[in-house]
Amino acid sequence: MSKAEILNELPKLRPEERRQIFDRLWELEERDLLEGAGPTPAEKALLDSELKAYEANPGAGAPWEEVEEKLLGPPNEQQ
């Protein structure tokens, strides 16, 4: 089955079936990340740059909970 055929069939699936496919795709992505060749040169350069920025000023960041609250609002405001 070609990629185009697969993409054309996706809308015909039930939500549960699409979730199974989504979960399987993420499993494959995770495997590729763990067993693959690693980041591309551009991704590695970005990671190295961010690491240097962190090492230069480790207190500049914010905890995830704080960032999430800024993005989504306080927990009682989330829907």
C-alpha atoms as a PDB file:
ATOM      1  CA  MET A   1       0.000   0.000   0.000  1.00  0.00           C
ATOM      2  CA  SER A   2       1.389   3.391  -0.950  1.00  0.00           C
ATOM      3  CA  LYS A   3       1.671   6.351   1.355  1.00  0.00           C
ATOM      4  CA  ALA A   4      -1.026   8.151  -0.638  1.00  0.00           C
ATOM      5  CA  GLU A   5      -3.382   5.187  -0.207  1.00  0.00           C
ATOM      6  CA  ILE A   6      -2.728   5.075   3.521  1.00  0.00           C
ATOM      7  CA  LEU A   7      -3.377   8.801   3.869  1.00  0.00           C
ATOM      8  CA  ASN A   8      -6.604   8.464   1.896  1.00  0.00           C
ATOM      9  CA  GLU A   9      -7.813   5.650   4.161  1.00  0.00           C
ATOM     10  CA  LEU A  10      -7.152   7.436   7.470  1.00  0.00           C
ATOM     11  CA  PRO A  11     -10.347   9.549   7.449  1.00  0.00           C
ATOM     12  CA  LYS A  12     -12.392   6.377   7.001  1.00  0.00           C
ATOM     13  CA  LEU A  13     -11.145   4.885  10.260  1.00  0.00           C
ATOM     14  CA  ARG A  14     -12.888   5.107  13.597  1.00  0.00           C
ATOM     15  CA  PRO A  15     -11.233   7.356  16.206  1.00  0.00           C
ATOM     16  CA  GLU A  16     -10.082   4.290  18.174  1.00  0.00           C
ATOM     17  CA  GLU A  17      -8.365   2.890  15.083  1.00  0.00           C
ATOM     18  CA  ARG A  18      -6.672   6.225  14.364  1.00  0.00           C
ATOM     19  CA  ARG A  19      -5.423   6.357  17.981  1.00  0.00           C
ATOM     20  CA  GLN A  20      -3.902   2.891  17.550  1.00  0.00           C
ATOM     21  CA  ILE A  21      -2.123   4.063  14.420  1.00  0.00           C
ATOM     22  CA  PHE A  22      -0.986   7.239  16.161  1.00  0.00           C
ATOM     23  CA  ASP A  23       0.372   5.216  19.100  1.00  0.00           C
ATOM     24  CA  ARG A  24       2.222   2.880  16.747  1.00  0.00           C
ATOM     25  CA  LEU A  25       3.742   5.794  14.852  1.00  0.00           C
ATOM     26  CA  TRP A  26       5.019   7.278  18.117  1.00  0.00           C
ATOM     27  CA  GLU A  27       6.502   3.908  19.081  1.00  0.00           C
ATOM     28  CA  LEU A  28       8.369   3.856  15.785  1.00  0.00           C
ATOM     29  CA  GLU A  29       9.530   7.453  16.241  1.00  0.00           C
ATOM     30  CA  GLU A  30      10.790   6.665  19.731  1.00  0.00           C
ATOM     31  CA  ARG A  31      12.645   3.608  18.470  1.00  0.00           C
ATOM     32  CA  ASP A  32      14.224   5.637  15.684  1.00  0.00           C
ATOM     33  CA  LEU A  33      15.340   8.282  18.163  1.00  0.00           C
ATOM     34  CA  LEU A  34      16.808   5.722  20.554  1.00  0.00           C
ATOM     35  CA  GLU A  35      18.394   3.455  17.962  1.00  0.00           C
ATOM     36  CA  GLY A  36      18.837   5.838  15.068  1.00  0.00           C
ATOM     37  CA  ALA A  37      21.760   7.871  13.911  1.00  0.00           C
ATOM     38  CA  GLY A  38      21.010  10.696  16.328  1.00  0.00           C
ATOM     39  CA  PRO A  39      20.223  14.319  15.632  1.00  0.00           C
ATOM     40  CA  THR A  40      20.921  15.928  12.282  1.00  0.00           C
ATOM     41  CA  PRO A  41      23.844  18.373  12.115  1.00  0.00           C
ATOM     42  CA  ALA A  42      21.387  21.290  12.318  1.00  0.00           C
ATOM     43  CA  GLU A  43      19.630  19.769  15.353  1.00  0.00           C
ATOM     44  CA  LYS A  44      22.991  19.082  17.023  1.00  0.00           C
ATOM     45  CA  ALA A  45      24.102  22.688  16.442  1.00  0.00           C
ATOM     46  CA  LEU A  46      20.868  23.948  18.009  1.00  0.00           C
ATOM     47  CA  LEU A  47      21.214  21.602  20.987  1.00  0.00           C
ATOM     48  CA  ASP A  48      24.859  22.641  21.477  1.00  0.00           C
ATOM     49  CA  SER A  49      23.884  26.316  21.309  1.00  0.00           C
ATOM     50  CA  GLU A  50      21.118  25.866  23.870  1.00  0.00           C
ATOM     51  CA  LEU A  51      23.430  23.916  26.168  1.00  0.00           C
ATOM     52  CA  LYS A  52      26.021  26.717  26.035  1.00  0.00           C
ATOM     53  CA  ALA A  53      23.327  29.285  26.840  1.00  0.00           C
ATOM     54  CA  TYR A  54      22.170  27.190  29.786  1.00  0.00           C
ATOM     55  CA  GLU A  55      25.713  26.677  31.079  1.00  0.00           C
ATOM     56  CA  ALA A  56      26.347  30.426  30.832  1.00  0.00           C
ATOM     57  CA  ASN A  57      23.189  31.262  32.784  1.00  0.00           C
ATOM     58  CA  PRO A  58      21.472  28.227  34.341  1.00  0.00           C
ATOM     59  CA  GLY A  59      18.998  30.370  36.289  1.00  0.00           C
ATOM     60  CA  ALA A  60      17.571  32.033  33.179  1.00  0.00           C
ATOM     61  CA  GLY A  61      15.028  29.315  32.494  1.00  0.00           C
ATOM     62  CA  ALA A  62      11.747  28.577  34.205  1.00  0.00           C
ATOM     63  CA  PRO A  63      10.290  25.328  35.557  1.00  0.00           C
ATOM     64  CA  TRP A  64       7.935  23.553  33.167  1.00  0.00           C
ATOM     65  CA  GLU A  65       4.962  24.112  35.472  1.00  0.00           C
ATOM     66  CA  GLU A  66       5.506  27.876  35.252  1.00  0.00           C
ATOM     67  CA  VAL A  67       5.835  27.815  31.474  1.00  0.00           C
ATOM     68  CA  GLU A  68       2.738  25.632  31.162  1.00  0.00           C
ATOM     69  CA  GLU A  69       0.735  28.004  33.350  1.00  0.00           C
ATOM     70  CA  LYS A  70       1.782  30.960  31.191  1.00  0.00           C
ATOM     71  CA  LEU A  71       0.656  29.069  28.109  1.00  0.00           C
ATOM     72  CA  LEU A  72      -2.555  27.544  29.446  1.00  0.00           C
ATOM     73  CA  GLY A  73      -3.461  29.694  32.427  1.00  0.00           C
ATOM     74  CA  PRO A  74      -3.898  28.485  36.009  1.00  0.00           C
ATOM     75  CA  PRO A  75      -5.204  24.904  36.378  1.00  0.00           C
ATOM     76  CA  ASN A  76      -8.691  26.062  37.420  1.00  0.00           C
ATOM     77  CA  GLU A  77      -9.022  28.055  34.164  1.00  0.00           C
ATOM     78  CA  GLN A  78      -8.240  25.065  31.920  1.00  0.00           C
ATOM     79  CA  GLN A  79     -11.135  23.373  30.183  1.00  0.00           C
END
